[in-house]
N, C-alpha and C. Protein backbone atom coordinates (compact mmCIF):
# COMPACT_ATOMS: atom_id res chain seq x y z
N MET A 1 -30.51 150.73 81.50
CA MET A 1 -29.10 151.02 81.69
C MET A 1 -28.83 151.97 82.84
N PRO A 2 -29.69 152.93 83.13
CA PRO A 2 -29.36 153.84 84.24
C PRO A 2 -29.24 153.13 85.58
N LYS A 3 -30.04 152.07 85.81
CA LYS A 3 -29.93 151.33 87.06
C LYS A 3 -28.58 150.63 87.16
N THR A 4 -28.12 150.07 86.06
CA THR A 4 -26.83 149.40 86.04
C THR A 4 -25.71 150.39 86.26
N SER A 5 -25.81 151.53 85.64
CA SER A 5 -24.79 152.56 85.81
C SER A 5 -24.75 153.07 87.25
N ALA A 6 -25.91 153.23 87.84
CA ALA A 6 -25.96 153.68 89.24
C ALA A 6 -25.37 152.64 90.17
N LEU A 7 -25.65 151.38 89.90
CA LEU A 7 -25.09 150.30 90.71
C LEU A 7 -23.57 150.25 90.57
N LEU A 8 -23.07 150.40 89.36
CA LEU A 8 -21.63 150.41 89.15
C LEU A 8 -20.97 151.61 89.82
N ASP A 9 -21.66 152.75 89.84
CA ASP A 9 -21.13 153.91 90.55
C ASP A 9 -21.01 153.63 92.03
N LEU A 10 -22.01 152.97 92.61
CA LEU A 10 -21.96 152.64 94.03
C LEU A 10 -20.84 151.65 94.35
N VAL A 11 -20.68 150.65 93.50
CA VAL A 11 -19.63 149.65 93.72
C VAL A 11 -18.25 150.29 93.56
N CYS A 12 -18.08 151.07 92.53
CA CYS A 12 -16.77 151.67 92.27
C CYS A 12 -16.43 152.76 93.28
N ALA A 13 -17.41 153.28 93.98
CA ALA A 13 -17.12 154.26 95.03
C ALA A 13 -16.40 153.61 96.21
N GLN A 14 -16.47 152.30 96.30
CA GLN A 14 -15.82 151.56 97.38
C GLN A 14 -14.48 150.97 96.96
N ARG A 15 -13.86 151.56 95.98
CA ARG A 15 -12.61 151.01 95.44
C ARG A 15 -11.49 150.99 96.46
N ARG A 16 -11.43 151.99 97.34
CA ARG A 16 -10.37 152.01 98.36
C ARG A 16 -10.51 150.85 99.32
N GLN A 17 -11.75 150.48 99.66
CA GLN A 17 -11.97 149.36 100.57
C GLN A 17 -11.65 148.03 99.91
N MET A 18 -11.71 147.99 98.59
CA MET A 18 -11.40 146.75 97.89
C MET A 18 -9.94 146.36 98.08
N LYS A 19 -9.06 147.34 98.22
CA LYS A 19 -7.65 147.02 98.48
C LYS A 19 -7.51 146.27 99.79
N LEU A 20 -8.22 146.72 100.81
CA LEU A 20 -8.18 146.06 102.11
C LEU A 20 -8.75 144.65 102.03
N ILE A 21 -9.86 144.50 101.31
CA ILE A 21 -10.46 143.19 101.15
C ILE A 21 -9.50 142.25 100.43
N LEU A 22 -8.84 142.75 99.38
CA LEU A 22 -7.89 141.91 98.65
C LEU A 22 -6.71 141.51 99.54
N ALA A 23 -6.24 142.42 100.39
CA ALA A 23 -5.15 142.09 101.31
C ALA A 23 -5.60 141.02 102.30
N LEU A 24 -6.81 141.14 102.81
CA LEU A 24 -7.33 140.12 103.73
C LEU A 24 -7.50 138.77 103.04
N LEU A 25 -7.94 138.78 101.81
CA LEU A 25 -8.10 137.53 101.08
C LEU A 25 -6.75 136.87 100.80
N ILE A 26 -5.72 137.67 100.54
CA ILE A 26 -4.38 137.11 100.35
C ILE A 26 -3.89 136.47 101.64
N ALA A 27 -4.11 137.15 102.78
CA ALA A 27 -3.71 136.58 104.07
C ALA A 27 -4.49 135.30 104.36
N MET A 28 -5.78 135.30 104.05
CA MET A 28 -6.58 134.09 104.25
C MET A 28 -6.07 132.94 103.36
N GLY A 29 -5.66 133.28 102.15
CA GLY A 29 -5.11 132.26 101.26
C GLY A 29 -3.80 131.69 101.79
N LEU A 30 -2.97 132.55 102.37
CA LEU A 30 -1.72 132.05 102.95
C LEU A 30 -1.99 131.13 104.13
N PHE A 31 -2.91 131.52 105.00
CA PHE A 31 -3.27 130.64 106.13
C PHE A 31 -3.91 129.35 105.65
N LEU A 32 -4.68 129.44 104.60
CA LEU A 32 -5.31 128.25 104.04
C LEU A 32 -4.25 127.31 103.47
N GLY A 33 -3.25 127.90 102.81
CA GLY A 33 -2.16 127.08 102.30
C GLY A 33 -1.36 126.42 103.41
N LEU A 34 -1.19 127.13 104.50
CA LEU A 34 -0.49 126.55 105.65
C LEU A 34 -1.28 125.40 106.25
N SER A 35 -2.57 125.56 106.37
CA SER A 35 -3.39 124.47 106.92
C SER A 35 -3.49 123.30 105.95
N ALA A 36 -3.35 123.57 104.66
CA ALA A 36 -3.41 122.48 103.67
C ALA A 36 -2.23 121.52 103.82
N LEU A 37 -1.15 122.01 104.41
CA LEU A 37 0.01 121.13 104.64
C LEU A 37 -0.30 120.03 105.65
N TYR A 38 -1.25 120.27 106.55
CA TYR A 38 -1.54 119.34 107.64
C TYR A 38 -2.82 118.55 107.47
N VAL A 39 -3.59 118.86 106.45
CA VAL A 39 -4.85 118.14 106.22
C VAL A 39 -4.67 117.22 105.03
N GLU A 40 -5.09 115.96 105.21
CA GLU A 40 -5.00 114.98 104.13
C GLU A 40 -6.39 114.69 103.59
N PRO A 41 -6.49 114.16 102.38
CA PRO A 41 -7.81 113.92 101.79
C PRO A 41 -8.72 112.99 102.60
N GLY A 42 -8.20 112.16 103.44
CA GLY A 42 -9.06 111.25 104.22
C GLY A 42 -9.58 111.86 105.51
N ASP A 43 -9.08 113.03 105.89
CA ASP A 43 -9.49 113.64 107.16
C ASP A 43 -10.92 114.17 107.09
N ASN A 44 -11.51 114.33 108.29
CA ASN A 44 -12.87 114.87 108.35
C ASN A 44 -12.92 116.34 107.97
N THR A 45 -11.82 117.04 108.12
CA THR A 45 -11.79 118.48 107.83
C THR A 45 -11.46 118.80 106.37
N PHE A 46 -11.19 117.80 105.58
CA PHE A 46 -10.82 118.03 104.18
C PHE A 46 -11.92 118.73 103.37
N PRO A 47 -13.20 118.33 103.51
CA PRO A 47 -14.24 119.06 102.76
C PRO A 47 -14.33 120.53 103.15
N ILE A 48 -14.08 120.84 104.42
CA ILE A 48 -14.09 122.23 104.86
C ILE A 48 -12.94 122.99 104.21
N LEU A 49 -11.79 122.36 104.11
CA LEU A 49 -10.63 122.98 103.47
C LEU A 49 -10.91 123.27 102.00
N VAL A 50 -11.53 122.34 101.32
CA VAL A 50 -11.86 122.53 99.90
C VAL A 50 -12.89 123.65 99.74
N LEU A 51 -13.91 123.67 100.60
CA LEU A 51 -14.92 124.72 100.55
C LEU A 51 -14.29 126.08 100.83
N ASP A 52 -13.42 126.15 101.82
CA ASP A 52 -12.73 127.41 102.11
C ASP A 52 -11.88 127.87 100.93
N ALA A 53 -11.20 126.94 100.30
CA ALA A 53 -10.36 127.29 99.15
C ALA A 53 -11.21 127.84 98.01
N VAL A 54 -12.35 127.23 97.76
CA VAL A 54 -13.24 127.70 96.69
C VAL A 54 -13.75 129.11 97.02
N LEU A 55 -14.15 129.32 98.27
CA LEU A 55 -14.66 130.63 98.66
C LEU A 55 -13.59 131.71 98.60
N VAL A 56 -12.39 131.42 99.08
CA VAL A 56 -11.31 132.41 99.08
C VAL A 56 -10.88 132.73 97.65
N VAL A 57 -10.70 131.72 96.84
CA VAL A 57 -10.27 131.96 95.45
C VAL A 57 -11.37 132.68 94.68
N GLY A 58 -12.62 132.27 94.87
CA GLY A 58 -13.73 132.93 94.19
C GLY A 58 -13.86 134.39 94.58
N ALA A 59 -13.75 134.67 95.87
CA ALA A 59 -13.83 136.06 96.33
C ALA A 59 -12.66 136.88 95.82
N PHE A 60 -11.47 136.27 95.80
CA PHE A 60 -10.29 136.98 95.31
C PHE A 60 -10.45 137.34 93.84
N VAL A 61 -10.93 136.40 93.05
CA VAL A 61 -11.13 136.67 91.62
C VAL A 61 -12.20 137.74 91.43
N PHE A 62 -13.31 137.64 92.17
CA PHE A 62 -14.38 138.62 92.04
C PHE A 62 -13.90 140.03 92.38
N PHE A 63 -13.23 140.18 93.52
CA PHE A 63 -12.79 141.51 93.92
C PHE A 63 -11.64 142.02 93.06
N SER A 64 -10.79 141.14 92.56
CA SER A 64 -9.72 141.57 91.67
C SER A 64 -10.28 142.12 90.36
N VAL A 65 -11.22 141.39 89.79
CA VAL A 65 -11.83 141.84 88.53
C VAL A 65 -12.62 143.13 88.75
N THR A 66 -13.33 143.21 89.86
CA THR A 66 -14.10 144.41 90.17
C THR A 66 -13.18 145.61 90.36
N TYR A 67 -12.09 145.41 91.08
CA TYR A 67 -11.13 146.51 91.30
C TYR A 67 -10.51 146.95 89.98
N TRP A 68 -10.14 145.99 89.14
CA TRP A 68 -9.56 146.32 87.84
C TRP A 68 -10.57 147.10 86.98
N TYR A 69 -11.82 146.63 86.96
CA TYR A 69 -12.84 147.30 86.16
C TYR A 69 -13.07 148.73 86.64
N CYS A 70 -13.15 148.90 87.95
CA CYS A 70 -13.39 150.24 88.50
C CYS A 70 -12.20 151.16 88.24
N THR A 71 -11.00 150.63 88.27
CA THR A 71 -9.83 151.43 87.95
C THR A 71 -9.85 151.86 86.48
N GLN A 72 -10.17 150.94 85.60
CA GLN A 72 -10.27 151.27 84.18
C GLN A 72 -11.38 152.29 83.92
N ARG A 73 -12.47 152.13 84.61
CA ARG A 73 -13.60 153.05 84.44
C ARG A 73 -13.24 154.44 84.94
N ALA A 74 -12.48 154.51 86.03
CA ALA A 74 -12.07 155.82 86.55
C ALA A 74 -11.06 156.49 85.62
N MET A 75 -10.23 155.71 84.96
CA MET A 75 -9.24 156.28 84.05
C MET A 75 -9.90 156.81 82.77
N GLU A 76 -11.00 156.21 82.36
CA GLU A 76 -11.67 156.64 81.14
C GLU A 76 -12.45 157.95 81.34
N SER A 77 -12.94 158.15 82.53
CA SER A 77 -13.77 159.36 82.74
C SER A 77 -12.96 160.55 83.21
């Protein structure tokens, strides 16, 4: 458990930077949504659009949950 706690301390120490990452991911999602208006499923770029969407949404969920957890952890201590 001490290794896990130390790792969580290191991750939660970067909580301020997570706000910036979340803002960038939101901007990337907006640009991705804009490009989705012009790409159709038969285009050659459609798989890239789907991969980008999975990566952006996955990163957004990961950093949102991490930020929430670190905020809750800071409030408890």
